[in-house]
Amino acid sequence: MKEIEILIPEDFAVEEASVFREKLNKLIDRGERHFILNFKNCTFVDSTGLGVLVGIYKRSKEVNGSLQFSSVVAPKVIKIFKLTRLDKVFGIE
């Protein structure tokens, strides 16, 4: 199983989220299925970013793929995942 690691931008908001969605959808269309999203530089995620993550998660599951999160370290990012309970969906500890 080949996994592609993708670095999440520092400010994962409207503009960055749209670019990210396009990039991941193109990769899935090309046949890629397994992704690791690296949050080491990410300090902020807004509702658009969360929506894109949920959408990509659903799409990857539809094609029998996987989506893993790594290096979720910023307190604000951890907090938003916990508040929305997405930490349980995405397996963030």
Foldseek 3Di string as FASTA:
>chain_A
DDEAEDEQAQAAEDPSLVVVLVVLVVCVVVPDQEYEYEDQNHQYHDPSNVVSVVVSQVVSVVVVGHYAYPNPDHPNSVVVCVVVVVCVVRVPD
